[in-house]
């Protein structure tokens, strides 16, 4: 049975102690990021970290990472470029 993203969010929010959920709450060992300035910055930071994580798991294979993320093969690189990552 697949859990919906809203139930996953609710599960994580139960552990957030009344503060915004940080990447390190979900991905242990994730480096702390500067406080985002707004929702767009938060989304961009989340996407950057997610793409980096999946690319690492895929051994740098963009095609495999794109399949896991459910996006086109070119999007992982575009997302990282848009975020200013290498």
N, C-alpha and C. Protein backbone atom coordinates (compact mmCIF):
# COMPACT_ATOMS: atom_id res chain seq x y z
N UNK A 1 0.85 -1.17 0.00
CA UNK A 1 0.00 0.00 0.00
C UNK A 1 0.89 1.23 0.00
N UNK A 2 0.64 2.13 -0.91
CA UNK A 2 1.44 3.34 -1.04
C UNK A 2 0.85 4.44 -0.19
N UNK A 3 1.72 5.12 0.58
CA UNK A 3 1.26 6.22 1.42
C UNK A 3 1.21 7.49 0.61
N UNK A 4 0.26 8.32 0.89
CA UNK A 4 0.19 9.59 0.19
C UNK A 4 1.21 10.55 0.77
N UNK A 5 1.58 11.55 -0.02
CA UNK A 5 2.57 12.51 0.45
C UNK A 5 2.04 13.30 1.64
N UNK A 6 0.73 13.52 1.70
CA UNK A 6 0.19 14.26 2.84
C UNK A 6 0.33 13.47 4.14
N UNK A 7 0.16 12.15 4.07
CA UNK A 7 0.32 11.38 5.30
C UNK A 7 1.79 11.31 5.69
N UNK A 8 2.68 11.29 4.71
CA UNK A 8 4.11 11.32 5.01
C UNK A 8 4.47 12.63 5.68
N UNK A 9 3.96 13.73 5.14
CA UNK A 9 4.20 15.05 5.74
C UNK A 9 3.68 15.08 7.17
N UNK A 10 2.48 14.55 7.37
CA UNK A 10 1.92 14.55 8.72
C UNK A 10 2.78 13.75 9.68
N UNK A 11 3.32 12.63 9.19
CA UNK A 11 4.19 11.82 10.04
C UNK A 11 5.42 12.60 10.45
N UNK A 12 6.04 13.31 9.49
CA UNK A 12 7.24 14.09 9.79
C UNK A 12 6.90 15.29 10.64
N UNK A 13 5.75 15.92 10.40
CA UNK A 13 5.43 17.11 11.18
C UNK A 13 5.20 16.76 12.65
N UNK A 14 4.84 15.53 12.92
CA UNK A 14 4.65 15.11 14.31
C UNK A 14 5.97 15.13 15.08
N UNK A 15 7.08 15.05 14.37
CA UNK A 15 8.40 15.03 15.00
C UNK A 15 9.13 16.36 14.90
N UNK A 16 8.48 17.39 14.40
CA UNK A 16 9.19 18.64 14.12
C UNK A 16 9.28 19.58 15.30
N UNK A 17 8.66 19.30 16.41
CA UNK A 17 8.73 20.12 17.62
C UNK A 17 8.27 21.55 17.38
N UNK A 18 7.30 21.74 16.51
CA UNK A 18 6.75 23.07 16.27
C UNK A 18 7.62 23.97 15.42
N UNK A 19 8.67 23.45 14.82
CA UNK A 19 9.52 24.26 13.95
C UNK A 19 9.47 23.68 12.54
N UNK A 20 9.87 24.46 11.54
CA UNK A 20 9.87 23.93 10.17
C UNK A 20 10.76 22.69 10.08
N UNK A 21 10.37 21.75 9.25
CA UNK A 21 11.13 20.53 9.06
C UNK A 21 12.35 20.85 8.20
N UNK A 22 13.52 20.47 8.64
CA UNK A 22 14.76 20.69 7.91
C UNK A 22 15.16 19.43 7.18
N UNK A 23 16.02 19.58 6.19
CA UNK A 23 16.51 18.41 5.44
C UNK A 23 17.15 17.41 6.38
N UNK A 24 17.84 17.89 7.39
CA UNK A 24 18.51 16.98 8.33
C UNK A 24 17.51 16.17 9.16
N UNK A 25 16.25 16.64 9.26
CA UNK A 25 15.21 15.87 9.94
C UNK A 25 14.84 14.64 9.13
N UNK A 26 14.91 14.76 7.81
CA UNK A 26 14.50 13.69 6.91
C UNK A 26 15.69 12.88 6.44
N UNK A 27 16.79 13.57 6.13
CA UNK A 27 18.00 12.92 5.66
C UNK A 27 19.10 13.11 6.69
N UNK A 28 19.26 12.16 7.61
CA UNK A 28 20.30 12.31 8.63
C UNK A 28 21.66 12.58 8.01
N UNK A 29 22.37 13.51 8.59
CA UNK A 29 23.69 13.86 8.08
C UNK A 29 23.67 14.91 7.00
N UNK A 30 22.47 15.36 6.59
CA UNK A 30 22.41 16.41 5.57
C UNK A 30 22.95 17.71 6.15
N UNK A 31 23.78 18.41 5.40
CA UNK A 31 24.32 19.66 5.93
C UNK A 31 23.23 20.70 6.11
N UNK A 32 23.39 21.52 7.12
CA UNK A 32 22.42 22.58 7.35
C UNK A 32 22.53 23.61 6.24
N UNK A 33 21.39 24.06 5.77
CA UNK A 33 21.36 25.07 4.71
C UNK A 33 20.98 26.40 5.32
N UNK A 34 21.39 27.49 4.68
CA UNK A 34 20.95 28.79 5.16
C UNK A 34 19.43 28.88 5.09
N UNK A 35 18.85 29.66 5.95
CA UNK A 35 17.40 29.78 5.99
C UNK A 35 16.87 30.31 4.66
N UNK A 36 15.96 29.57 4.02
CA UNK A 36 15.38 30.04 2.77
C UNK A 36 14.58 31.32 2.98
N UNK A 37 14.48 32.11 1.94
CA UNK A 37 13.78 33.39 2.03
C UNK A 37 12.29 33.26 1.78
N UNK A 38 11.85 32.19 1.20
CA UNK A 38 10.43 32.03 0.91
C UNK A 38 10.16 30.65 0.34
N UNK A 39 8.91 30.43 -0.01
CA UNK A 39 8.49 29.12 -0.51
C UNK A 39 9.26 28.70 -1.76
N UNK A 40 9.51 29.62 -2.67
CA UNK A 40 10.27 29.27 -3.88
C UNK A 40 11.68 28.81 -3.52
N UNK A 41 12.31 29.53 -2.60
CA UNK A 41 13.65 29.15 -2.18
C UNK A 41 13.64 27.79 -1.49
N UNK A 42 12.63 27.55 -0.67
CA UNK A 42 12.51 26.26 0.02
C UNK A 42 12.36 25.13 -0.99
N UNK A 43 11.51 25.34 -1.98
CA UNK A 43 11.28 24.32 -3.00
C UNK A 43 12.56 24.08 -3.81
N UNK A 44 13.22 25.14 -4.21
CA UNK A 44 14.45 25.01 -4.99
C UNK A 44 15.51 24.26 -4.19
N UNK A 45 15.63 24.58 -2.92
CA UNK A 45 16.62 23.91 -2.07
C UNK A 45 16.27 22.43 -1.91
N UNK A 46 14.99 22.12 -1.70
CA UNK A 46 14.56 20.73 -1.58
C UNK A 46 14.87 19.97 -2.86
N UNK A 47 14.51 20.57 -4.02
CA UNK A 47 14.73 19.90 -5.29
C UNK A 47 16.23 19.67 -5.53
N UNK A 48 17.04 20.65 -5.21
CA UNK A 48 18.49 20.53 -5.38
C UNK A 48 19.02 19.36 -4.56
N UNK A 49 18.65 19.31 -3.29
CA UNK A 49 19.14 18.23 -2.43
C UNK A 49 18.62 16.87 -2.89
N UNK A 50 17.38 16.82 -3.32
CA UNK A 50 16.79 15.56 -3.77
C UNK A 50 17.49 15.06 -5.02
N UNK A 51 17.69 15.96 -5.99
CA UNK A 51 18.37 15.58 -7.23
C UNK A 51 19.79 15.13 -6.94
N UNK A 52 20.51 15.88 -6.10
CA UNK A 52 21.88 15.49 -5.75
C UNK A 52 21.91 14.11 -5.10
N UNK A 53 20.97 13.86 -4.20
CA UNK A 53 20.91 12.59 -3.50
C UNK A 53 20.65 11.43 -4.46
N UNK A 54 19.67 11.61 -5.34
CA UNK A 54 19.32 10.54 -6.27
C UNK A 54 20.44 10.33 -7.29
N UNK A 55 21.07 11.41 -7.75
CA UNK A 55 22.21 11.27 -8.67
C UNK A 55 23.34 10.49 -8.01
N UNK A 56 23.59 10.77 -6.75
CA UNK A 56 24.64 10.05 -6.03
C UNK A 56 24.29 8.57 -5.93
N UNK A 57 23.03 8.27 -5.57
CA UNK A 57 22.59 6.88 -5.47
C UNK A 57 22.68 6.16 -6.81
N UNK A 58 22.47 6.91 -7.90
CA UNK A 58 22.51 6.33 -9.25
C UNK A 58 23.93 6.33 -9.82
N UNK A 59 24.90 6.66 -8.99
CA UNK A 59 26.29 6.66 -9.45
C UNK A 59 26.56 7.71 -10.52
N UNK A 60 25.80 8.81 -10.49
CA UNK A 60 25.98 9.87 -11.46
C UNK A 60 25.25 9.65 -12.77
N UNK A 61 24.52 8.56 -12.88
CA UNK A 61 23.78 8.23 -14.10
C UNK A 61 22.51 9.07 -14.16
N UNK A 62 22.51 10.08 -15.04
CA UNK A 62 21.36 11.00 -15.13
C UNK A 62 20.08 10.31 -15.61
N UNK A 63 20.24 9.37 -16.52
CA UNK A 63 19.06 8.65 -17.02
C UNK A 63 18.39 7.88 -15.90
N UNK A 64 19.18 7.16 -15.11
CA UNK A 64 18.63 6.38 -13.99
C UNK A 64 18.03 7.31 -12.93
N UNK A 65 18.71 8.40 -12.63
CA UNK A 65 18.20 9.36 -11.64
C UNK A 65 16.87 9.95 -12.11
N UNK A 66 16.78 10.27 -13.38
CA UNK A 66 15.54 10.84 -13.93
C UNK A 66 14.39 9.84 -13.82
N UNK A 67 14.67 8.56 -14.06
CA UNK A 67 13.63 7.53 -13.92
C UNK A 67 13.13 7.47 -12.48
N UNK A 68 14.06 7.49 -11.53
CA UNK A 68 13.68 7.43 -10.11
C UNK A 68 12.84 8.65 -9.73
N UNK A 69 13.24 9.82 -10.25
CA UNK A 69 12.53 11.06 -9.91
C UNK A 69 11.25 11.26 -10.72
N UNK A 70 11.09 10.49 -11.81
CA UNK A 70 9.91 10.63 -12.64
C UNK A 70 9.94 11.90 -13.49
N UNK A 71 11.14 12.28 -13.92
CA UNK A 71 11.29 13.48 -14.75
C UNK A 71 12.13 13.12 -15.98
N UNK A 72 12.23 14.06 -16.94
CA UNK A 72 13.00 13.79 -18.14
C UNK A 72 14.48 13.67 -17.81
N UNK A 73 15.23 13.05 -18.70
CA UNK A 73 16.66 12.82 -18.49
C UNK A 73 17.44 14.11 -18.34
N UNK A 74 17.00 15.17 -18.97
CA UNK A 74 17.72 16.45 -18.92
C UNK A 74 17.41 17.26 -17.67
N UNK A 75 16.31 16.97 -17.00
CA UNK A 75 15.89 17.79 -15.86
C UNK A 75 16.83 17.76 -14.65
N UNK A 76 17.43 16.62 -14.28
CA UNK A 76 18.32 16.67 -13.12
C UNK A 76 19.43 17.71 -13.29
N UNK A 77 20.05 17.74 -14.47
CA UNK A 77 21.12 18.70 -14.71
C UNK A 77 20.58 20.13 -14.73
N UNK A 78 19.39 20.32 -15.33
CA UNK A 78 18.78 21.64 -15.38
C UNK A 78 18.45 22.13 -13.97
N UNK A 79 17.91 21.25 -13.14
CA UNK A 79 17.55 21.64 -11.77
C UNK A 79 18.79 22.09 -11.00
N UNK A 80 19.88 21.34 -11.16
CA UNK A 80 21.11 21.69 -10.46
C UNK A 80 21.69 23.01 -11.01
N UNK A 81 21.61 23.19 -12.31
CA UNK A 81 22.11 24.44 -12.91
C UNK A 81 21.29 25.62 -12.43
N UNK A 82 19.96 25.47 -12.38
CA UNK A 82 19.07 26.54 -11.92
C UNK A 82 19.36 26.91 -10.48
N UNK A 83 19.80 25.95 -9.68
CA UNK A 83 20.10 26.19 -8.27
C UNK A 83 21.52 26.69 -8.05
N UNK A 84 22.30 26.74 -9.12
CA UNK A 84 23.68 27.20 -8.99
C UNK A 84 24.64 26.12 -8.53
N UNK A 85 24.21 24.87 -8.57
CA UNK A 85 25.08 23.75 -8.19
C UNK A 85 25.87 23.31 -9.42
N UNK A 86 26.90 22.54 -9.20
CA UNK A 86 27.71 22.06 -10.32
C UNK A 86 27.13 20.82 -10.93
